[in-house]
């Protein structure tokens, strides 16, 4: 009987499973909202208006370059997403291109 009880204890003892490891609580993920600008800076807005005025002036003088129109479109697209830096950069390029195109009209035509 002692042998039977030892066998039974050995059998029962071998079937005992260790306690499962305790799962550590997971910290909640916190998303920090990215602050997006909701308007252009005053400088970018003024530059965009100056660029639009320069394009109008160049068009009236029949000196508008397509590169200036492309840059104006890029400046307007950047203004729609409130990207002040890109708006300012493209608007300055528009003003420079329009000034060059108007200046070109004062030069004599090229003869080949």
N, C-alpha and C. Protein backbone atom coordinates (compact mmCIF):
# COMPACT_ATOMS: atom_id res chain seq x y z
N UNK A 1 0.80 -1.17 0.00
CA UNK A 1 0.00 0.00 0.00
C UNK A 1 0.86 1.25 0.00
N UNK A 2 1.91 1.18 0.68
CA UNK A 2 2.82 2.32 0.73
C UNK A 2 3.39 2.59 -0.66
N UNK A 3 3.66 1.52 -1.40
CA UNK A 3 4.19 1.68 -2.74
C UNK A 3 3.14 2.29 -3.67
N UNK A 4 1.89 1.89 -3.48
CA UNK A 4 0.81 2.41 -4.30
C UNK A 4 0.59 3.89 -4.03
N UNK A 5 0.67 4.23 -2.75
CA UNK A 5 0.46 5.64 -2.43
C UNK A 5 1.63 6.48 -2.93
N UNK A 6 2.84 5.93 -2.92
CA UNK A 6 3.99 6.65 -3.43
C UNK A 6 3.87 6.84 -4.94
N UNK A 7 3.38 5.82 -5.62
CA UNK A 7 3.18 5.91 -7.06
C UNK A 7 2.11 6.93 -7.42
N UNK A 8 1.04 6.91 -6.58
CA UNK A 8 -0.04 7.86 -6.80
C UNK A 8 0.43 9.28 -6.55
N UNK A 9 1.24 9.47 -5.50
CA UNK A 9 1.77 10.81 -5.22
C UNK A 9 2.72 11.25 -6.33
N UNK A 10 3.50 10.32 -6.83
CA UNK A 10 4.41 10.66 -7.91
C UNK A 10 3.66 11.02 -9.18
N UNK A 11 2.57 10.28 -9.42
CA UNK A 11 1.76 10.56 -10.60
C UNK A 11 1.06 11.91 -10.46
N UNK A 12 0.47 12.16 -9.31
CA UNK A 12 -0.23 13.42 -9.09
C UNK A 12 0.77 14.56 -9.03
N UNK A 13 1.90 14.36 -8.42
CA UNK A 13 2.92 15.40 -8.30
C UNK A 13 3.48 15.80 -9.65
N UNK A 14 3.57 14.83 -10.56
CA UNK A 14 4.10 15.14 -11.88
C UNK A 14 3.12 15.88 -12.75
N UNK A 15 1.84 15.81 -12.44
CA UNK A 15 0.83 16.47 -13.26
C UNK A 15 0.56 17.91 -12.83
N UNK A 16 1.12 18.29 -11.73
CA UNK A 16 0.87 19.64 -11.26
C UNK A 16 1.63 20.61 -12.16
N UNK A 17 0.93 21.53 -12.75
CA UNK A 17 1.54 22.51 -13.63
C UNK A 17 1.95 23.74 -12.83
N UNK A 18 3.07 24.34 -13.21
CA UNK A 18 3.46 25.55 -12.50
C UNK A 18 2.47 26.68 -12.81
N UNK A 19 2.44 27.65 -11.95
CA UNK A 19 1.53 28.78 -12.15
C UNK A 19 1.94 29.53 -13.42
N UNK A 20 0.96 29.96 -14.20
CA UNK A 20 1.31 30.71 -15.41
C UNK A 20 1.93 32.05 -15.03
N UNK A 21 2.84 32.53 -15.84
CA UNK A 21 3.47 33.82 -15.52
C UNK A 21 2.42 34.94 -15.55
N UNK A 22 2.58 35.85 -14.64
CA UNK A 22 1.64 36.97 -14.56
C UNK A 22 1.96 37.95 -15.69
N UNK A 23 0.93 38.32 -16.41
CA UNK A 23 1.10 39.28 -17.50
C UNK A 23 1.18 40.68 -16.91
N UNK A 24 2.18 41.44 -17.37
CA UNK A 24 2.32 42.80 -16.89
C UNK A 24 1.30 43.68 -17.60
N UNK A 25 0.69 44.59 -16.89
CA UNK A 25 -0.29 45.46 -17.55
C UNK A 25 0.39 46.33 -18.61
N UNK A 26 -0.25 46.47 -19.72
CA UNK A 26 0.28 47.25 -20.83
C UNK A 26 -0.12 48.70 -20.63
N UNK A 27 0.85 49.57 -20.75
CA UNK A 27 0.56 51.00 -20.61
C UNK A 27 -0.26 51.46 -21.81
N UNK A 28 -1.25 52.30 -21.60
CA UNK A 28 -2.05 52.78 -22.73
C UNK A 28 -1.21 53.67 -23.64
N UNK A 29 -1.48 53.57 -24.92
CA UNK A 29 -0.76 54.36 -25.92
C UNK A 29 -1.43 55.72 -26.00
N UNK A 30 -0.64 56.74 -25.84
CA UNK A 30 -1.17 58.10 -25.89
C UNK A 30 -0.70 58.74 -27.19
N UNK A 31 -1.64 59.17 -28.00
CA UNK A 31 -1.33 59.85 -29.24
C UNK A 31 -1.38 61.35 -29.00
N UNK A 32 -0.28 62.00 -29.34
CA UNK A 32 -0.22 63.45 -29.20
C UNK A 32 -0.61 64.04 -30.55
N UNK A 33 -1.66 64.83 -30.60
CA UNK A 33 -2.06 65.40 -31.89
C UNK A 33 -1.01 66.38 -32.39
N UNK A 34 -0.77 66.31 -33.68
CA UNK A 34 0.20 67.20 -34.31
C UNK A 34 -0.50 68.53 -34.57
N UNK A 35 0.11 69.58 -34.11
CA UNK A 35 -0.49 70.91 -34.30
C UNK A 35 -0.26 71.35 -35.75
N UNK A 36 -1.33 71.47 -36.46
CA UNK A 36 -1.24 71.94 -37.84
C UNK A 36 -1.61 73.41 -37.88
N UNK A 37 -0.92 74.16 -38.73
CA UNK A 37 -1.27 75.58 -38.80
C UNK A 37 -2.66 75.74 -39.41
N UNK A 38 -3.34 76.77 -38.98
CA UNK A 38 -4.69 77.01 -39.48
C UNK A 38 -4.76 78.27 -40.33
N UNK A 39 -3.63 78.94 -40.48
CA UNK A 39 -3.61 80.11 -41.36
C UNK A 39 -2.17 80.39 -41.77
N UNK A 40 -2.04 81.17 -42.83
CA UNK A 40 -0.72 81.55 -43.30
C UNK A 40 -0.17 82.66 -42.42
N UNK A 41 1.13 82.76 -42.40
CA UNK A 41 1.73 83.89 -41.69
C UNK A 41 1.43 85.16 -42.49
N UNK A 42 1.53 86.28 -41.83
CA UNK A 42 1.24 87.56 -42.50
C UNK A 42 2.21 87.80 -43.65
N UNK A 43 3.46 87.40 -43.45
CA UNK A 43 4.47 87.59 -44.50
C UNK A 43 4.15 86.73 -45.73
N UNK A 44 3.75 85.49 -45.52
CA UNK A 44 3.43 84.60 -46.64
C UNK A 44 2.17 85.08 -47.36
N UNK A 45 1.20 85.55 -46.61
CA UNK A 45 -0.03 86.06 -47.22
C UNK A 45 0.26 87.30 -48.07
N UNK A 46 1.07 88.20 -47.55
CA UNK A 46 1.43 89.41 -48.30
C UNK A 46 2.23 89.05 -49.56
N UNK A 47 3.13 88.07 -49.44
CA UNK A 47 3.93 87.65 -50.59
C UNK A 47 3.05 87.02 -51.67
N UNK A 48 2.05 86.25 -51.27
CA UNK A 48 1.14 85.64 -52.23
C UNK A 48 0.33 86.71 -52.96
N UNK A 49 -0.14 87.70 -52.24
CA UNK A 49 -0.89 88.79 -52.88
C UNK A 49 0.00 89.58 -53.83
N UNK A 50 1.25 89.81 -53.44
CA UNK A 50 2.19 90.52 -54.32
C UNK A 50 2.48 89.69 -55.57
N UNK A 51 2.58 88.40 -55.41
CA UNK A 51 2.83 87.52 -56.56
C UNK A 51 1.66 87.56 -57.53
N UNK A 52 0.44 87.50 -57.00
CA UNK A 52 -0.74 87.57 -57.86
C UNK A 52 -0.80 88.91 -58.59
N UNK A 53 -0.45 89.99 -57.90
CA UNK A 53 -0.44 91.30 -58.54
C UNK A 53 0.64 91.38 -59.63
N UNK A 54 1.79 90.77 -59.38
CA UNK A 54 2.87 90.76 -60.37
C UNK A 54 2.46 90.00 -61.63
N UNK A 55 1.74 88.91 -61.45
CA UNK A 55 1.27 88.14 -62.61
C UNK A 55 0.27 88.96 -63.41
N UNK A 56 -0.61 89.66 -62.73
CA UNK A 56 -1.58 90.51 -63.43
C UNK A 56 -0.85 91.59 -64.22
N UNK A 57 0.13 92.22 -63.61
CA UNK A 57 0.89 93.27 -64.29
C UNK A 57 1.64 92.73 -65.50
N UNK A 58 2.26 91.57 -65.35
CA UNK A 58 2.99 90.97 -66.48
C UNK A 58 2.04 90.56 -67.59
N UNK A 59 0.86 90.07 -67.23
CA UNK A 59 -0.12 89.67 -68.25
C UNK A 59 -0.59 90.89 -69.04
N UNK A 60 -0.83 92.00 -68.35
CA UNK A 60 -1.28 93.23 -69.01
C UNK A 60 -0.22 93.73 -69.99
N UNK A 61 1.03 93.60 -69.62
CA UNK A 61 2.12 94.04 -70.49
C UNK A 61 2.53 92.99 -71.51
N UNK A 62 1.77 91.88 -71.54
CA UNK A 62 2.05 90.78 -72.46
C UNK A 62 3.47 90.25 -72.32
N UNK A 63 3.87 90.08 -71.07
CA UNK A 63 5.22 89.62 -70.79
C UNK A 63 5.23 88.44 -69.82
N UNK A 64 4.09 87.80 -69.65
CA UNK A 64 3.99 86.73 -68.65
C UNK A 64 4.67 85.46 -69.14
N UNK A 65 5.54 84.91 -68.29
CA UNK A 65 6.21 83.67 -68.58
C UNK A 65 5.42 82.51 -67.97
N UNK A 66 5.45 81.37 -68.62
CA UNK A 66 4.74 80.21 -68.09
C UNK A 66 5.36 79.72 -66.78
N UNK A 67 6.65 79.93 -66.63
CA UNK A 67 7.31 79.53 -65.38
C UNK A 67 6.75 80.31 -64.19
N UNK A 68 6.41 81.56 -64.41
CA UNK A 68 5.82 82.37 -63.34
C UNK A 68 4.44 81.85 -62.97
N UNK A 69 3.67 81.44 -63.97
CA UNK A 69 2.33 80.90 -63.71
C UNK A 69 2.44 79.57 -62.94
N UNK A 70 3.40 78.75 -63.32
CA UNK A 70 3.60 77.48 -62.61
C UNK A 70 3.97 77.71 -61.15
N UNK A 71 4.86 78.67 -60.91
CA UNK A 71 5.25 78.99 -59.53
C UNK A 71 4.08 79.58 -58.75
N UNK A 72 3.24 80.37 -59.40
CA UNK A 72 2.07 80.91 -58.73
C UNK A 72 1.10 79.79 -58.34
N UNK A 73 0.94 78.82 -59.21
CA UNK A 73 0.07 77.68 -58.89
C UNK A 73 0.64 76.88 -57.70
N UNK A 74 1.95 76.73 -57.65
CA UNK A 74 2.57 76.04 -56.52
C UNK A 74 2.38 76.84 -55.23
N UNK A 75 2.49 78.16 -55.32
CA UNK A 75 2.30 79.00 -54.14
C UNK A 75 0.86 78.91 -53.65
N UNK A 76 -0.09 78.91 -54.57
CA UNK A 76 -1.50 78.79 -54.17
C UNK A 76 -1.78 77.43 -53.55
N UNK A 77 -1.19 76.37 -54.09
CA UNK A 77 -1.39 75.02 -53.53
C UNK A 77 -0.80 74.93 -52.13
N UNK A 78 0.35 75.54 -51.93
CA UNK A 78 0.96 75.54 -50.60
C UNK A 78 0.12 76.36 -49.62
N UNK A 79 -0.50 77.42 -50.11
CA UNK A 79 -1.35 78.26 -49.25
C UNK A 79 -2.60 77.50 -48.83
N UNK A 80 -3.09 76.61 -49.67
CA UNK A 80 -4.29 75.84 -49.32
C UNK A 80 -4.04 74.91 -48.12
N UNK A 81 -2.82 74.44 -47.97
CA UNK A 81 -2.50 73.56 -46.84
C UNK A 81 -1.76 74.33 -45.74
N UNK A 82 -1.76 75.64 -45.85
CA UNK A 82 -1.18 76.54 -44.85
C UNK A 82 0.31 76.30 -44.64
N UNK A 83 1.01 76.02 -45.72
CA UNK A 83 2.47 75.86 -45.67
C UNK A 83 3.08 77.22 -45.98
N UNK A 84 3.33 77.99 -44.95
CA UNK A 84 3.80 79.37 -45.12
C UNK A 84 5.18 79.43 -45.77
N UNK A 85 6.07 78.53 -45.40
CA UNK A 85 7.43 78.57 -45.94
C UNK A 85 7.42 78.33 -47.45
N UNK A 86 6.68 77.32 -47.89
CA UNK A 86 6.62 77.02 -49.33
C UNK A 86 5.89 78.13 -50.08
N UNK A 87 4.83 78.66 -49.49
CA UNK A 87 4.09 79.76 -50.13
C UNK A 87 5.01 80.95 -50.33
N UNK A 88 5.76 81.28 -49.31
CA UNK A 88 6.67 82.43 -49.39
C UNK A 88 7.75 82.20 -50.44
N UNK A 89 8.30 81.00 -50.47
CA UNK A 89 9.36 80.69 -51.43
C UNK A 89 8.86 80.79 -52.88
N UNK A 90 7.71 80.18 -53.15
CA UNK A 90 7.17 80.21 -54.52
C UNK A 90 6.70 81.61 -54.91
N UNK A 91 6.13 82.34 -53.97
CA UNK A 91 5.66 83.70 -54.27
C UNK A 91 6.82 84.62 -54.61
N UNK A 92 7.93 84.49 -53.89
CA UNK A 92 9.10 85.31 -54.20
C UNK A 92 9.63 84.98 -55.59
N UNK A 93 9.58 83.71 -55.95
CA UNK A 93 10.03 83.30 -57.28
C UNK A 93 9.13 83.89 -58.36
N UNK A 94 7.83 83.94 -58.10
CA UNK A 94 6.89 84.54 -59.06
C UNK A 94 7.21 86.01 -59.28
N UNK A 95 7.42 86.73 -58.21
CA UNK A 95 7.71 88.17 -58.32
C UNK A 95 9.00 88.38 -59.10
N UNK A 96 10.03 87.58 -58.83
CA UNK A 96 11.30 87.71 -59.55
C UNK A 96 11.13 87.39 -61.03
N UNK A 97 10.40 86.33 -61.36
CA UNK A 97 10.19 85.97 -62.77
C UNK A 97 9.39 87.03 -63.50
N UNK A 98 8.38 87.57 -62.86
CA UNK A 98 7.57 88.61 -63.50
C UNK A 98 8.38 89.87 -63.72
N UNK A 99 9.24 90.22 -62.76
CA UNK A 99 10.09 91.40 -62.92
C UNK A 99 11.04 91.21 -64.10
N UNK A 100 11.60 90.01 -64.23
CA UNK A 100 12.49 89.73 -65.36
C UNK A 100 11.74 89.77 -66.69
N UNK A 101 10.54 89.24 -66.70
CA UNK A 101 9.80 89.21 -67.96
C UNK A 101 9.39 90.62 -68.39
N UNK A 102 9.05 91.47 -67.45
CA UNK A 102 8.70 92.85 -67.79
C UNK A 102 9.95 93.61 -68.24
N UNK A 103 11.06 93.34 -67.56
CA UNK A 103 12.32 93.99 -67.93
C UNK A 103 12.75 93.58 -69.35
N UNK A 104 12.44 92.37 -69.72
CA UNK A 104 12.82 91.86 -71.03
C UNK A 104 12.11 92.62 -72.14
N UNK A 105 10.90 93.10 -71.88
CA UNK A 105 10.16 93.81 -72.94
C UNK A 105 10.83 95.13 -73.30
N UNK A 106 11.64 95.71 -72.42
CA UNK A 106 12.32 96.98 -72.71
C UNK A 106 13.56 96.77 -73.58
N UNK A 107 14.02 95.54 -73.69
CA UNK A 107 15.20 95.26 -74.48
C UNK A 107 14.84 95.13 -75.95
N UNK A 108 15.76 95.46 -76.84
CA UNK A 108 15.47 95.31 -78.27
C UNK A 108 15.31 93.82 -78.62
N UNK A 109 14.51 93.53 -79.63
CA UNK A 109 14.34 92.12 -80.00
C UNK A 109 15.62 91.54 -80.56
N UNK A 110 15.77 90.26 -80.41
CA UNK A 110 16.96 89.57 -80.88
C UNK A 110 16.82 89.33 -82.38
N UNK A 111 17.87 89.63 -83.11
CA UNK A 111 17.88 89.40 -84.55
C UNK A 111 18.90 88.31 -84.84
N UNK A 112 18.51 87.34 -85.59
CA UNK A 112 19.40 86.23 -85.90
C UNK A 112 20.12 86.47 -87.16
